[in-house]
Protein backbone atom coordinates (compact mmCIF):
# COMPACT_ATOMS: atom_id res chain seq x y z
CA MET A 1 -16.65 -24.18 -11.56
CA ALA A 2 -19.57 -24.30 -14.00
CA ALA A 3 -22.00 -25.41 -11.31
CA THR A 4 -20.77 -22.70 -8.97
CA THR A 5 -21.20 -20.04 -11.65
CA GLU A 6 -24.66 -21.30 -12.50
CA ASN A 7 -25.71 -21.20 -8.84
CA SER A 8 -24.28 -17.70 -8.44
CA LEU A 9 -26.20 -16.45 -11.45
CA ARG A 10 -29.37 -18.05 -10.18
CA ARG A 11 -28.98 -16.31 -6.82
CA SER A 12 -28.36 -12.98 -8.54
CA ASP A 13 -31.43 -13.39 -10.72
CA SER A 14 -33.53 -14.07 -7.64
CA GLY A 15 -32.69 -10.61 -6.32
CA ALA A 16 -30.17 -11.71 -3.68
CA ASP A 17 -27.01 -9.73 -3.11
CA PRO A 18 -24.45 -11.24 -5.52
CA ASP A 19 -21.74 -10.73 -2.90
CA ASP A 20 -23.61 -13.18 -0.67
CA SER A 21 -23.13 -15.89 -3.28
CA ILE A 22 -19.38 -15.22 -3.29
CA THR A 23 -19.29 -15.59 0.49
CA SER A 24 -21.21 -18.86 0.21
CA ASP A 25 -18.95 -20.15 -2.56
CA ILE A 26 -15.80 -19.37 -0.56
CA ALA A 27 -17.18 -21.11 2.52
CA GLY A 28 -17.94 -24.17 0.38
CA GLU A 29 -14.51 -24.04 -1.23
CA LEU A 30 -12.79 -24.12 2.18
CA GLU A 31 -15.14 -26.63 3.75
CA GLN A 32 -13.10 -29.70 2.78
CA THR A 33 -9.72 -28.14 3.61
CA ARG A 34 -7.65 -27.58 6.74
CA TYR A 35 -8.94 -24.00 6.65
CA ALA A 36 -12.66 -24.70 6.95
CA CYS A 37 -14.33 -21.80 8.76
CA SER A 38 -17.30 -21.66 11.09
CA SER A 39 -17.87 -18.01 10.11
CA LEU A 40 -16.69 -15.47 7.53
CA THR A 41 -16.76 -11.73 8.24
CA ARG A 42 -16.41 -9.39 5.27
CA LEU A 43 -13.71 -6.78 5.87
CA ARG A 44 -14.34 -3.30 4.51
CA GLY A 45 -11.82 -0.77 3.37
CA GLY A 46 -10.26 -2.44 0.35
CA THR A 47 -11.73 -1.94 -3.11
CA ALA A 48 -10.21 -4.48 -5.49
CA ASN A 49 -10.83 -7.83 -3.80
CA PHE A 50 -13.27 -9.67 -1.55
CA VAL A 51 -11.54 -9.98 1.82
CA PHE A 52 -12.84 -11.89 4.84
CA ARG A 53 -11.70 -12.80 8.30
CA GLY A 54 -12.42 -16.47 8.86
CA LEU A 55 -12.92 -18.13 12.23
CA LEU A 56 -11.42 -21.58 11.80
CA SER A 57 -13.59 -24.55 12.66
CA LEU A 58 -10.49 -26.09 14.22
CA PRO A 59 -7.46 -24.05 15.33
CA LEU A 60 -4.19 -24.73 13.54
CA GLU A 61 -1.40 -26.68 15.22
CA ASP A 62 0.22 -23.45 16.44
CA GLY A 63 -3.04 -22.28 18.03
CA THR A 64 -4.08 -19.91 15.23
CA LYS A 65 -7.84 -19.34 15.37
CA THR A 66 -8.42 -16.83 12.57
CA VAL A 67 -7.18 -16.37 9.01
CA ILE A 68 -7.67 -13.87 6.21
CA ILE A 69 -9.34 -15.10 3.03
CA LYS A 70 -8.75 -13.03 -0.08
CA HIS A 71 -10.78 -13.79 -3.19
CA THR A 72 -10.25 -12.19 -6.59
CA GLU A 73 -12.68 -11.79 -9.49
CA ASP A 74 -12.11 -10.28 -12.93
CA TYR A 75 -13.53 -6.99 -11.73
CA VAL A 76 -13.07 -4.61 -8.82
CA ALA A 77 -15.01 -5.79 -5.77
CA SER A 78 -16.35 -2.30 -5.07
CA ASN A 79 -17.50 -1.79 -8.67
CA ARG A 80 -18.42 -4.77 -10.85
CA ASN A 81 -18.39 -2.56 -13.94
CA PHE A 82 -14.65 -1.88 -13.48
CA LYS A 83 -13.05 -4.88 -15.20
CA LEU A 84 -9.62 -5.91 -13.97
CA SER A 85 -7.75 -9.12 -14.75
CA ALA A 86 -8.08 -11.73 -12.02
CA GLY A 87 -4.53 -12.72 -12.89
CA ARG A 88 -3.38 -10.03 -10.48
CA CYS A 89 -3.79 -12.51 -7.63
CA LEU A 90 -1.16 -14.78 -9.21
CA PHE A 91 1.43 -12.02 -8.85
CA GLU A 92 0.46 -11.58 -5.22
CA GLU A 93 0.90 -15.33 -4.73
CA THR A 94 4.35 -15.19 -6.32
CA SER A 95 5.32 -12.27 -4.09
CA LEU A 96 4.12 -13.81 -0.85
CA ARG A 97 5.72 -17.20 -1.48
CA ALA A 98 9.05 -15.54 -2.23
CA LEU A 99 8.79 -13.18 0.75
CA ASP A 100 8.15 -15.89 3.32
CA GLY A 101 10.83 -15.34 5.96
CA LEU A 102 11.91 -11.87 4.80
CA SER A 103 11.44 -9.53 7.74
CA SER A 104 13.30 -6.73 9.46
CA THR A 105 13.29 -5.85 13.15
CA VAL A 106 14.14 -2.51 14.72
CA THR A 107 14.81 -2.37 18.47
CA VAL A 108 13.83 0.87 20.19
CA GLU A 109 14.36 2.12 23.72
CA GLU A 110 11.22 3.13 25.60
CA GLN A 111 10.54 4.61 29.01
CA PHE A 112 11.89 2.91 32.13
CA GLU A 113 14.68 1.33 30.04
CA ASN A 114 12.24 -1.00 28.32
CA GLN A 115 12.97 -2.23 24.82
CA ARG A 116 10.49 -2.88 22.05
CA ASN A 117 11.18 -4.92 18.93
CA ILE A 118 9.17 -3.75 15.92
CA THR A 119 9.09 -6.40 13.21
CA VAL A 120 7.83 -5.67 9.71
CA LYS A 121 6.95 -8.50 7.34
CA ALA A 122 4.48 -9.73 4.76
CA PRO A 123 1.78 -12.12 6.00
CA ARG A 124 2.40 -15.81 5.38
CA LEU A 125 0.51 -17.35 2.49
CA LEU A 126 -1.04 -20.46 4.04
CA THR A 127 -2.63 -21.85 0.89
CA PHE A 128 -3.75 -20.70 -2.54
CA ASN A 129 -6.35 -22.15 -4.92
CA PRO A 130 -5.53 -20.98 -8.47
CA ASP A 131 -8.75 -22.45 -9.86
CA MET A 132 -10.86 -20.20 -7.62
CA ASN A 133 -8.37 -17.31 -7.17
CA THR A 134 -8.64 -17.65 -3.41
CA ALA A 135 -5.78 -17.17 -0.95
CA VAL A 136 -5.70 -17.96 2.77
CA LEU A 137 -3.33 -15.66 4.64
CA GLU A 138 -1.92 -15.17 8.10
CA ASP A 139 -4.10 -12.79 10.12
CA LEU A 140 -3.02 -9.81 12.21
CA PRO A 141 -6.06 -9.64 14.50
CA GLU A 142 -7.47 -6.32 15.66
CA SER A 143 -5.42 -4.25 13.23
CA LEU A 144 -5.97 -1.16 11.10
CA ASP A 145 -4.18 0.30 8.11
CA LEU A 146 -1.55 2.81 9.22
CA LYS A 147 -3.44 5.97 8.23
CA THR A 148 -6.70 4.82 9.86
CA PHE A 149 -4.77 3.79 12.95
CA CYS A 150 -3.17 7.22 13.25
CA ILE A 151 -6.47 9.11 13.07
CA SER A 152 -8.32 6.76 15.41
CA SER A 153 -9.35 8.41 18.67
CA ALA A 154 -7.09 6.15 20.72
CA ALA A 155 -3.97 6.96 18.72
CA SER A 156 -4.50 10.61 17.81
CA SER A 157 -4.41 11.74 21.43
CA SER A 158 -1.52 9.61 22.65
CA LEU A 159 0.81 8.92 19.72
CA SER A 160 4.16 10.38 20.76
CA GLU A 161 6.86 11.75 18.51
CA ASP A 162 9.25 9.00 19.61
CA TRP A 163 6.68 6.31 18.80
CA GLY A 164 6.11 7.82 15.36
CA VAL A 165 9.83 7.94 14.60
CA SER A 166 10.23 4.32 15.74
CA ILE A 167 7.38 3.02 13.60
CA GLY A 168 8.58 5.04 10.62
CA LYS A 169 12.13 3.78 11.00
CA ALA A 170 10.92 0.19 11.12
CA LEU A 171 8.92 0.67 7.92
CA GLY A 172 11.73 2.47 6.10
CA THR A 173 14.25 -0.18 7.13
CA TRP A 174 11.99 -2.95 5.88
CA LEU A 175 11.27 -1.23 2.55
CA ARG A 176 14.97 -0.70 1.90
CA SER A 177 15.71 -4.35 2.73
CA PHE A 178 12.91 -5.47 0.39
CA HIS A 179 14.19 -3.33 -2.47
CA ARG A 180 17.75 -4.60 -1.96
CA TRP A 181 16.57 -8.21 -1.56
CA THR A 182 15.13 -8.14 -5.07
CA ASP A 183 18.63 -7.29 -6.38
CA GLU A 184 20.04 -10.56 -5.07
CA GLU A 185 21.04 -13.13 -7.66
CA GLY A 186 18.90 -15.77 -5.96
CA GLN A 187 15.73 -13.74 -6.64
CA ALA A 188 16.22 -13.52 -10.41
CA SER A 189 13.37 -15.91 -11.22
CA VAL A 190 10.97 -14.04 -8.91
CA VAL A 191 11.96 -10.72 -10.46
CA ALA A 192 11.41 -12.13 -13.96
CA GLU A 193 7.92 -13.31 -13.01
CA LEU A 194 6.87 -10.07 -11.31
CA GLU A 195 8.22 -8.00 -14.19
CA ARG A 196 5.38 -9.54 -16.23
CA ASN A 197 2.75 -7.72 -14.14
CA HIS A 198 2.17 -5.15 -16.88
CA THR A 199 -1.56 -4.83 -16.27
CA MET A 200 -1.14 -3.46 -12.76
CA ARG A 201 1.94 -1.46 -13.71
CA ASP A 202 -0.02 0.27 -16.47
CA LEU A 203 -3.02 0.79 -14.20
CA LYS A 204 -0.85 2.51 -11.60
CA LEU A 205 0.71 4.65 -14.32
CA SER A 206 -2.67 5.67 -15.70
CA VAL A 207 -4.47 6.50 -12.46
CA ASN A 208 -1.52 8.62 -11.37
CA TYR A 209 0.01 10.25 -14.43
CA ASP A 210 -2.83 10.32 -16.97
CA THR A 211 -5.07 11.67 -14.23
CA LEU A 212 -2.42 14.28 -13.40
CA VAL A 213 -2.79 15.87 -16.84
CA GLU A 214 -6.58 15.53 -16.79
CA ARG A 215 -6.73 17.53 -13.56
CA VAL A 216 -5.51 20.64 -15.41
CA ASP A 217 -8.90 20.98 -17.09
CA GLN A 218 -10.65 20.43 -13.77
CA TYR A 219 -8.59 23.12 -12.00
CA PRO A 220 -7.51 25.46 -14.84
CA THR A 221 -6.92 28.46 -12.59
CA ILE A 222 -4.70 26.51 -10.20
CA LEU A 223 -2.98 24.13 -12.61
CA GLY A 224 -3.10 25.85 -16.01
CA GLU A 225 0.43 27.22 -15.91
CA ALA A 226 1.79 23.81 -14.87
CA ARG A 227 0.34 21.95 -17.88
CA GLU A 228 3.63 21.84 -19.78
CA VAL A 229 5.53 20.45 -16.80
CA PHE A 230 2.76 17.94 -16.09
CA GLU A 231 2.93 16.71 -19.70
CA LYS A 232 6.71 16.28 -19.44
CA VAL A 233 6.32 14.44 -16.13
CA ARG A 234 3.76 12.08 -17.65
CA LEU A 235 5.93 11.29 -20.67
CA ALA A 236 8.93 10.69 -18.41
CA ALA A 237 6.85 8.33 -16.25
CA VAL A 238 5.73 6.39 -19.35
CA ALA A 239 9.33 5.98 -20.51
CA GLU A 240 10.39 5.01 -17.01
CA SER A 241 7.69 2.31 -16.78
CA GLU A 242 8.99 0.63 -19.94
CA ARG A 243 12.54 0.20 -18.64
CA LYS A 244 13.82 -3.25 -17.79
CA ALA A 245 16.81 -1.91 -15.84
CA GLY A 246 18.25 1.31 -14.50
CA PRO A 247 19.57 2.99 -11.37
CA GLU A 248 17.21 2.57 -8.41
CA CYS A 249 14.78 0.53 -10.47
CA GLY A 250 13.61 -2.94 -9.51
CA ILE A 251 10.65 -4.76 -8.06
CA ILE A 252 8.45 -2.42 -6.03
CA HIS A 253 5.39 -3.03 -3.89
CA GLY A 254 3.32 -0.55 -5.86
CA ASP A 255 0.77 0.24 -3.14
CA PHE A 256 2.73 0.22 0.13
CA CYS A 257 -0.05 -0.65 2.59
CA VAL A 258 0.74 -1.46 6.23
CA LEU A 259 -1.41 -2.97 8.98
CA VAL A 260 -0.84 -1.91 12.59
CA PRO A 261 -2.31 -3.72 15.62
CA ILE A 262 -4.68 -1.44 17.54
CA ARG A 263 -2.73 -2.15 20.74
CA ALA A 264 0.55 -0.97 19.21
CA LEU A 265 0.62 2.00 21.61
CA ASP A 266 0.59 -0.28 24.64
CA PHE A 267 4.00 -1.43 25.82
CA ASN A 268 4.76 -4.80 24.35
CA PRO A 269 8.26 -6.20 23.88
CA GLN A 270 7.23 -7.39 20.40
CA THR A 271 5.11 -5.45 17.90
CA SER A 272 4.44 -6.83 14.41
CA LEU A 273 3.42 -4.81 11.36
CA PHE A 274 2.17 -6.48 8.17
CA VAL A 275 2.81 -5.22 4.64
CA VAL A 276 -0.23 -6.33 2.64
CA ASP A 277 -1.89 -6.04 -0.80
CA TRP A 278 0.82 -7.32 -3.12
CA GLU A 279 -1.09 -7.57 -6.40
CA LEU A 280 0.44 -4.31 -7.68
CA CYS A 281 3.98 -5.64 -7.22
CA HIS A 282 5.90 -4.93 -10.45
CA PHE A 283 9.16 -3.63 -11.90
CA GLY A 284 9.47 0.12 -11.55
CA ALA A 285 11.20 3.08 -9.93
CA ARG A 286 11.75 2.45 -6.23
CA ALA A 287 11.12 6.11 -5.50
CA LEU A 288 7.42 5.46 -6.22
CA ASP A 289 7.09 3.34 -3.06
CA VAL A 290 8.80 6.05 -1.02
CA GLY A 291 6.86 8.92 -2.59
CA GLN A 292 3.47 7.32 -2.01
CA MET A 293 4.23 6.64 1.65
CA LEU A 294 5.38 10.24 2.17
CA ALA A 295 2.25 11.57 0.47
CA GLU A 296 -0.13 9.48 2.55
CA LEU A 297 1.58 10.36 5.83
CA TYR A 298 1.75 14.09 5.14
CA MET A 299 -2.00 14.11 4.51
CA LEU A 300 -2.41 13.41 8.24
CA LYS A 301 -0.75 16.75 8.93
CA HIS A 302 -2.47 18.63 6.11
CA PHE A 303 -6.03 17.57 6.90
CA ARG A 304 -5.92 16.80 10.63
CA ASP A 305 -2.91 18.81 11.86
CA PHE A 306 -1.58 15.49 13.12
CA ASN A 307 2.12 16.04 13.90
CA ALA A 308 2.89 12.36 14.47
CA GLY A 309 2.51 11.89 10.71
CA LEU A 310 5.62 14.06 10.34
CA SER A 311 7.41 11.97 12.97
CA ILE A 312 6.65 8.81 11.03
CA ILE A 313 8.00 10.44 7.86
CA GLN A 314 11.20 11.42 9.69
CA GLY A 315 11.73 7.89 10.96
CA PHE A 316 10.79 6.38 7.61
CA LEU A 317 13.43 8.40 5.79
CA GLU A 318 16.04 7.59 8.45
CA GLY A 319 15.30 3.91 7.96
CA TYR A 320 15.19 3.95 4.17
CA GLN A 321 18.28 6.13 3.60
CA VAL A 322 17.54 7.93 0.33
CA PRO A 323 20.51 7.07 -1.91
CA ASP A 324 20.91 10.24 -3.98
CA GLU A 325 19.39 13.54 -5.04
CA ALA A 326 17.79 12.12 -8.20
CA PHE A 327 15.90 9.59 -6.08
CA ALA A 328 14.75 12.33 -3.70
CA PHE A 329 13.37 14.49 -6.52
CA ARG A 330 11.62 11.50 -8.10
CA ALA A 331 9.96 10.63 -4.78
CA LEU A 332 8.85 14.25 -4.35
CA ILE A 333 7.38 14.34 -7.85
CA HIS A 334 5.39 11.20 -7.14
CA ALA A 335 4.15 12.58 -3.81
CA GLY A 336 2.99 15.71 -5.64
CA VAL A 337 1.29 13.62 -8.32
CA HIS A 338 -0.53 11.73 -5.58
CA TYR A 339 -1.89 15.01 -4.22
CA VAL A 340 -3.06 16.33 -7.58
CA SER A 341 -4.49 13.04 -8.84
CA PHE A 342 -6.01 11.71 -5.62
CA GLY A 343 -6.40 14.82 -3.45
CA PRO A 344 -9.76 15.76 -4.99
CA MET A 345 -10.94 12.17 -4.41
CA THR A 346 -10.69 12.23 -0.62
CA PRO A 347 -14.16 13.44 0.48
CA GLY A 348 -14.70 13.58 4.19
CA TRP A 349 -11.06 14.27 4.94
CA GLY A 350 -11.28 18.03 4.88
CA SER A 351 -12.98 21.15 3.61
CA PRO A 352 -13.07 22.12 -0.09
CA GLU A 353 -10.43 24.71 0.74
CA GLN A 354 -8.15 22.05 2.22
CA LEU A 355 -8.60 19.85 -0.84
CA GLU A 356 -7.74 22.77 -3.10
CA ASP A 357 -4.69 23.63 -0.99
CA LEU A 358 -3.50 20.03 -1.30
CA VAL A 359 -3.75 20.26 -5.08
CA LYS A 360 -1.74 23.50 -4.97
CA LEU A 361 0.90 21.83 -2.79
CA GLY A 362 1.10 18.93 -5.21
CA ARG A 363 1.49 21.32 -8.14
CA ASP A 364 4.35 23.18 -6.48
CA MET A 365 6.10 19.98 -5.41
CA ILE A 366 5.97 18.59 -8.94
CA VAL A 367 7.22 21.78 -10.59
CA LYS A 368 10.00 22.46 -8.07
CA ALA A 369 11.18 18.84 -8.03
CA TRP A 370 11.11 18.71 -11.85
CA GLU A 371 13.25 21.87 -11.85
CA LYS A 372 15.48 20.26 -9.18
CA ASP A 373 15.03 23.28 -6.93
CA ARG A 374 16.38 21.72 -3.76
CA GLU A 375 16.21 24.95 -1.74
CA TRP A 376 12.43 25.23 -2.18
CA PHE A 377 11.77 22.14 -0.06
CA LYS A 378 11.55 23.08 3.60
CA GLY A 379 10.37 21.45 6.80
CA ILE A 380 9.84 17.69 6.69
CA TRP A 381 10.65 17.55 2.96
CA LYS A 382 14.25 18.58 3.69
CA TYR A 383 14.78 15.17 5.28
CA LEU A 384 14.93 13.61 1.82
CA PHE A 385 18.16 15.51 1.18
CA ARG A 386 19.72 14.77 4.53
CA ASP A 387 23.35 13.65 4.15
CA LEU A 388 23.17 14.06 0.35
């Protein structure tokens, strides 16, 4: 470790890109293992970790030729000045080891009486080096995160409503099974370990709910009258985060991110989706996982007028089966918080007017859900109250 650090510092001092030294160190770390790679390709899109696709020098026994290598430092990969405990990768390791084998499959009917099985699961953790904070994971080749997939040129013009509902239902079914799985007596030790992930729990709380209140000063005309409600929402979220038990509380993913193969629109009797990025896994309100997914999917409609995003929401809620009205309102509050806190941070997605409208929508969702005004929620949002 000391020699590696010294070499990395020397390369940085020479003017080389410090990320190049990390790539070199990872290649050297894997060189004497079963997962030695002939090439490493840095994957863009994530911010917290260094993620690579590795071409294995020798395929695995099952024919696997590529793997994902995820390396964690004590800072955010996209910003070395943002310090963040490297211990977050240990919670991801715990999650992935426990989740090995937990999957859910939804069978859907397609044209010409064909059937497609959509399986949702976490990637397998192939090996983990705690000394170097490096994990080797199962790869889903040629895949994109769900939102990027939906706005890609190939998908945006051909993604049908039925396909959206099917994908959404598969994701909702899996998330519900994951939440219920953590209630099982046999998972008590895993739950106890993940409950210790206070650093990431507190980070999620801060970037959502502290930022929510800070936005009032940024948009005083739009948000000024909502300040009191925002303060109450923040305090409620703080109290909620400190609970060790409660209705519809348990281990949550924390950043429900899904990978979709780019050929998912082609007919294939088996389609696999991967749920990735488990370092935010912690004890919390399950409605947060649901609310974030709803928020991200509705942005496809808001910014791009992409109706399939609504279809995915419909299927997602059918699969998850919102348990009660309190859960529905909590999910809606979190979706609104996502819009106010993160809406202004999505440059390139839309015009300034669209960004401002998203903040207004978030404001109204928070206030109306806090007031439990069920009748205010129309359109796709009504699906949260279906059968309740």
